[in-house]
Amino acid sequence: MVVESLAVINQRGETVLVANHLLMCDRKEPAQPNQSH
């Protein structure tokens, strides 16, 4: 996943941003059991 790569590269304040974005996406879309990516 590109977002994860970004989180690894910018492991400072961007990680929080990415996590927040993922949370928002999770709320928009139904929770998927297969989220290992």
PDB file of N, CA and C in Angstrom:
ATOM      1  N   MET A   1       0.840  -1.198   0.000  1.00  0.00           N
ATOM      2  CA  MET A   1       0.000   0.000   0.000  1.00  0.00           C
ATOM      3  C   MET A   1       0.879   1.254   0.000  1.00  0.00           C
ATOM      4  N   VAL A   2       0.503   2.231  -0.779  1.00  0.00           N
ATOM      5  CA  VAL A   2       1.310   3.455  -0.876  1.00  0.00           C
ATOM      6  C   VAL A   2       1.280   4.223   0.434  1.00  0.00           C
ATOM      7  N   VAL A   3       0.121   4.237   1.090  1.00  0.00           N
ATOM      8  CA  VAL A   3      -0.011   5.003   2.339  1.00  0.00           C
ATOM      9  C   VAL A   3       0.957   4.476   3.388  1.00  0.00           C
ATOM     10  N   GLU A   4       1.071   3.155   3.479  1.00  0.00           N
ATOM     11  CA  GLU A   4       1.979   2.561   4.468  1.00  0.00           C
ATOM     12  C   GLU A   4       3.419   2.966   4.172  1.00  0.00           C
ATOM     13  N   SER A   5       3.793   2.951   2.896  1.00  0.00           N
ATOM     14  CA  SER A   5       5.151   3.349   2.527  1.00  0.00           C
ATOM     15  C   SER A   5       5.402   4.787   2.957  1.00  0.00           C
ATOM     16  N   LEU A   6       4.426   5.655   2.730  1.00  0.00           N
ATOM     17  CA  LEU A   6       4.562   7.057   3.138  1.00  0.00           C
ATOM     18  C   LEU A   6       4.758   7.144   4.640  1.00  0.00           C
ATOM     19  N   ALA A   7       4.003   6.353   5.383  1.00  0.00           N
ATOM     20  CA  ALA A   7       4.107   6.375   6.849  1.00  0.00           C
ATOM     21  C   ALA A   7       5.512   5.956   7.272  1.00  0.00           C
ATOM     22  N   VAL A   8       6.067   4.964   6.593  1.00  0.00           N
ATOM     23  CA  VAL A   8       7.413   4.497   6.939  1.00  0.00           C
ATOM     24  C   VAL A   8       8.443   5.575   6.615  1.00  0.00           C
ATOM     25  N   ILE A   9       8.285   6.217   5.461  1.00  0.00           N
ATOM     26  CA  ILE A   9       9.253   7.247   5.046  1.00  0.00           C
ATOM     27  C   ILE A   9       9.155   8.466   5.961  1.00  0.00           C
ATOM     28  N   ASN A  10       7.956   8.950   6.179  1.00  0.00           N
ATOM     29  CA  ASN A  10       7.782  10.143   7.017  1.00  0.00           C
ATOM     30  C   ASN A  10       7.298   9.728   8.395  1.00  0.00           C
ATOM     31  N   GLN A  11       8.177   9.104   9.167  1.00  0.00           N
ATOM     32  CA  GLN A  11       7.780   8.634  10.493  1.00  0.00           C
ATOM     33  C   GLN A  11       7.939   9.756  11.504  1.00  0.00           C
ATOM     34  N   ARG A  12       7.185  10.822  11.328  1.00  0.00           N
ATOM     35  CA  ARG A  12       7.286  11.942  12.273  1.00  0.00           C
ATOM     36  C   ARG A  12       5.896  12.406  12.641  1.00  0.00           C
ATOM     37  N   GLY A  13       5.338  13.320  11.852  1.00  0.00           N
ATOM     38  CA  GLY A  13       3.979  13.776  12.132  1.00  0.00           C
ATOM     39  C   GLY A  13       3.051  13.250  11.059  1.00  0.00           C
ATOM     40  N   GLU A  14       3.650  12.812   9.946  1.00  0.00           N
ATOM     41  CA  GLU A  14       2.846  12.310   8.840  1.00  0.00           C
ATOM     42  C   GLU A  14       2.134  11.023   9.237  1.00  0.00           C
ATOM     43  N   THR A  15       2.755  10.240  10.100  1.00  0.00           N
ATOM     44  CA  THR A  15       2.151   8.972  10.513  1.00  0.00           C
ATOM     45  C   THR A  15       0.774   9.212  11.113  1.00  0.00           C
ATOM     46  N   VAL A  16       0.667  10.253  11.925  1.00  0.00           N
ATOM     47  CA  VAL A  16      -0.623  10.572  12.542  1.00  0.00           C
ATOM     48  C   VAL A  16      -1.622  10.952  11.464  1.00  0.00           C
ATOM     49  N   LEU A  17      -1.150  11.720  10.479  1.00  0.00           N
ATOM     50  CA  LEU A  17      -2.023  12.133   9.385  1.00  0.00           C
ATOM     51  C   LEU A  17      -2.520  10.907   8.629  1.00  0.00           C
ATOM     52  N   VAL A  18      -1.599   9.998   8.327  1.00  0.00           N
ATOM     53  CA  VAL A  18      -1.963   8.785   7.593  1.00  0.00           C
ATOM     54  C   VAL A  18      -2.960   7.960   8.390  1.00  0.00           C
ATOM     55  N   ALA A  19      -2.695   7.817   9.695  1.00  0.00           N
ATOM     56  CA  ALA A  19      -3.591   7.038  10.544  1.00  0.00           C
ATOM     57  C   ALA A  19      -4.978   7.666  10.543  1.00  0.00           C
ATOM     58  N   ASN A  20      -5.030   8.994  10.640  1.00  0.00           N
ATOM     59  CA  ASN A  20      -6.312   9.688  10.635  1.00  0.00           C
ATOM     60  C   ASN A  20      -7.025   9.446   9.312  1.00  0.00           C
ATOM     61  N   HIS A  21      -6.281   9.512   8.213  1.00  0.00           N
ATOM     62  CA  HIS A  21      -6.866   9.293   6.892  1.00  0.00           C
ATOM     63  C   HIS A  21      -7.426   7.878   6.788  1.00  0.00           C
ATOM     64  N   LEU A  22      -6.657   6.905   7.290  1.00  0.00           N
ATOM     65  CA  LEU A  22      -7.110   5.515   7.254  1.00  0.00           C
ATOM     66  C   LEU A  22      -8.386   5.357   8.072  1.00  0.00           C
ATOM     67  N   LEU A  23      -8.441   6.031   9.223  1.00  0.00           N
ATOM     68  CA  LEU A  23      -9.629   5.945  10.074  1.00  0.00           C
ATOM     69  C   LEU A  23     -10.832   6.505   9.335  1.00  0.00           C
ATOM     70  N   MET A  24     -10.652   7.631   8.661  1.00  0.00           N
ATOM     71  CA  MET A  24     -11.749   8.251   7.918  1.00  0.00           C
ATOM     72  C   MET A  24     -12.214   7.319   6.806  1.00  0.00           C
ATOM     73  N   CYS A  25     -11.258   6.709   6.105  1.00  0.00           N
ATOM     74  CA  CYS A  25     -11.602   5.779   5.030  1.00  0.00           C
ATOM     75  C   CYS A  25     -12.356   4.580   5.606  1.00  0.00           C
ATOM     76  N   ASP A  26     -11.923   4.121   6.784  1.00  0.00           N
ATOM     77  CA  ASP A  26     -12.564   2.977   7.415  1.00  0.00           C
ATOM     78  C   ASP A  26     -14.012   3.307   7.747  1.00  0.00           C
ATOM     79  N   ARG A  27     -14.263   4.528   8.168  1.00  0.00           N
ATOM     80  CA  ARG A  27     -15.627   4.908   8.532  1.00  0.00           C
ATOM     81  C   ARG A  27     -16.496   5.042   7.291  1.00  0.00           C
ATOM     82  N   LYS A  28     -15.888   5.518   6.208  1.00  0.00           N
ATOM     83  CA  LYS A  28     -16.651   5.677   4.965  1.00  0.00           C
ATOM     84  C   LYS A  28     -17.053   4.312   4.416  1.00  0.00           C
ATOM     85  N   GLU A  29     -16.043   3.458   4.260  1.00  0.00           N
ATOM     86  CA  GLU A  29     -16.306   2.140   3.686  1.00  0.00           C
ATOM     87  C   GLU A  29     -16.566   1.114   4.786  1.00  0.00           C
ATOM     88  N   PRO A  30     -17.328   0.080   4.462  1.00  0.00           N
ATOM     89  CA  PRO A  30     -17.601  -0.983   5.438  1.00  0.00           C
ATOM     90  C   PRO A  30     -16.327  -1.717   5.824  1.00  0.00           C
ATOM     91  N   ALA A  31     -16.248  -2.110   7.077  1.00  0.00           N
ATOM     92  CA  ALA A  31     -15.041  -2.782   7.562  1.00  0.00           C
ATOM     93  C   ALA A  31     -14.822  -4.087   6.806  1.00  0.00           C
ATOM     94  N   GLN A  32     -13.639  -4.239   6.234  1.00  0.00           N
ATOM     95  CA  GLN A  32     -13.319  -5.454   5.493  1.00  0.00           C
ATOM     96  C   GLN A  32     -12.460  -6.377   6.355  1.00  0.00           C
ATOM     97  N   PRO A  33     -12.813  -7.662   6.414  1.00  0.00           N
ATOM     98  CA  PRO A  33     -12.063  -8.629   7.224  1.00  0.00           C
ATOM     99  C   PRO A  33     -10.651  -8.829   6.685  1.00  0.00           C
ATOM    100  N   ASN A  34     -10.463  -8.663   5.364  1.00  0.00           N
ATOM    101  CA  ASN A  34      -9.145  -8.879   4.759  1.00  0.00           C
ATOM    102  C   ASN A  34      -8.434  -7.552   4.574  1.00  0.00           C
ATOM    103  N   GLN A  35      -7.855  -7.015   5.635  1.00  0.00           N
ATOM    104  CA  GLN A  35      -7.095  -5.769   5.537  1.00  0.00           C
ATOM    105  C   GLN A  35      -5.660  -6.011   5.980  1.00  0.00           C
ATOM    106  N   SER A  36      -4.984  -6.960   5.336  1.00  0.00           N
ATOM    107  CA  SER A  36      -3.612  -7.281   5.721  1.00  0.00           C
ATOM    108  C   SER A  36      -2.630  -6.440   4.923  1.00  0.00           C
ATOM    109  N   HIS A  37      -3.096  -5.766   3.870  1.00  0.00           N
ATOM    110  CA  HIS A  37      -2.187  -4.987   3.022  1.00  0.00           C
ATOM    111  C   HIS A  37      -1.673  -3.792   3.811  1.00  0.00           C
TER     112      HIS A  37
END
